[in-house]
Amino acid sequence: MNLRAVFGLNVQRLRREKGLSQEQLSFAAGRTRAYISSVEAGRRNATLDTLEVLATALDVEPKDLITATAPKRHT
């Protein structure tokens, strides 16, 4: 999986864990909802500035957005 896809999936996962809609995250990050959607889908090649802004909006460290995580298993 490429870094852009990892980034998008992490943004989506963390946004959902925090109970935020794409629109709510877009307001907090100063980006459009469409931009957030394209980041989450891996269609947008985000800048380091955007990485920092989204990390701040999600209250996580930037590394949390670019580190691949193993999927959680339901037992």
Protein backbone atom coordinates (compact mmCIF):
# COMPACT_ATOMS: atom_id res chain seq x y z
CA MET A 1 0.00 0.00 0.00
CA ASN A 2 1.39 3.42 -0.89
CA LEU A 3 1.81 6.27 1.57
CA ARG A 4 -1.04 8.30 0.07
CA ALA A 5 -3.44 5.40 0.67
CA VAL A 6 -2.15 4.87 4.23
CA PHE A 7 -2.59 8.57 4.93
CA GLY A 8 -6.15 8.59 3.60
CA LEU A 9 -7.20 5.49 5.51
CA ASN A 10 -5.69 6.85 8.73
CA VAL A 11 -7.48 10.19 8.32
CA GLN A 12 -10.75 8.35 7.77
CA ARG A 13 -10.22 5.93 10.68
CA LEU A 14 -9.24 8.65 13.15
CA ARG A 15 -12.05 10.95 12.02
CA ARG A 16 -14.58 8.17 12.59
CA GLU A 17 -13.06 7.20 15.95
CA LYS A 18 -13.50 10.81 17.06
CA GLY A 19 -17.10 10.85 15.85
CA LEU A 20 -16.53 13.58 13.27
CA SER A 21 -18.19 13.93 9.90
CA GLN A 22 -16.12 14.93 6.89
CA GLU A 23 -17.80 18.32 7.09
CA GLN A 24 -16.86 18.81 10.73
CA LEU A 25 -13.25 17.86 10.01
CA SER A 26 -13.21 20.18 7.01
CA PHE A 27 -14.25 23.13 9.19
CA ALA A 28 -11.63 22.30 11.82
CA ALA A 29 -8.92 21.92 9.17
CA GLY A 30 -9.88 24.84 6.96
CA ARG A 31 -10.32 22.58 3.93
CA THR A 32 -13.42 21.71 1.92
CA ARG A 33 -15.44 18.58 2.53
CA ALA A 34 -14.62 17.49 -1.02
CA TYR A 35 -10.91 17.84 -0.25
CA ILE A 36 -11.24 15.68 2.88
CA SER A 37 -13.15 13.10 0.85
CA SER A 38 -10.46 12.97 -1.83
CA VAL A 39 -7.71 12.65 0.80
CA GLU A 40 -9.53 9.76 2.47
CA ALA A 41 -10.00 8.05 -0.89
CA GLY A 42 -6.30 8.39 -1.68
CA ARG A 43 -6.95 10.58 -4.71
CA ARG A 44 -5.30 13.69 -3.26
CA ASN A 45 -1.54 14.04 -2.84
CA ALA A 46 -1.58 16.14 0.33
CA THR A 47 1.25 18.50 1.25
CA LEU A 48 3.19 18.43 4.51
CA ASP A 49 1.26 21.54 5.50
CA THR A 50 -2.00 19.62 5.08
CA LEU A 51 -0.58 16.70 7.05
CA GLU A 52 0.15 19.09 9.91
CA VAL A 53 -3.25 20.79 9.70
CA LEU A 54 -5.16 17.49 9.69
CA ALA A 55 -3.08 16.10 12.55
CA THR A 56 -3.88 19.20 14.60
CA ALA A 57 -7.58 19.03 13.70
CA LEU A 58 -7.68 15.35 14.70
CA ASP A 59 -5.56 15.98 17.82
CA VAL A 60 -2.93 13.39 16.87
CA GLU A 61 0.75 13.43 16.01
CA PRO A 62 1.56 13.75 12.29
CA LYS A 63 3.29 10.35 12.40
CA ASP A 64 -0.07 8.80 13.35
CA LEU A 65 -1.40 9.77 9.93
CA ILE A 66 1.41 8.22 7.90
CA THR A 67 2.13 5.05 9.88
CA ALA A 68 0.51 1.88 8.58
CA THR A 69 -1.45 0.08 11.27
CA ALA A 70 -2.55 -3.54 11.33
CA PRO A 71 -6.31 -4.00 11.03
CA LYS A 72 -8.11 -4.82 14.25
CA ARG A 73 -9.38 -8.40 14.45
CA HIS A 74 -12.78 -9.15 15.89
CA THR A 75 -12.77 -12.30 17.98
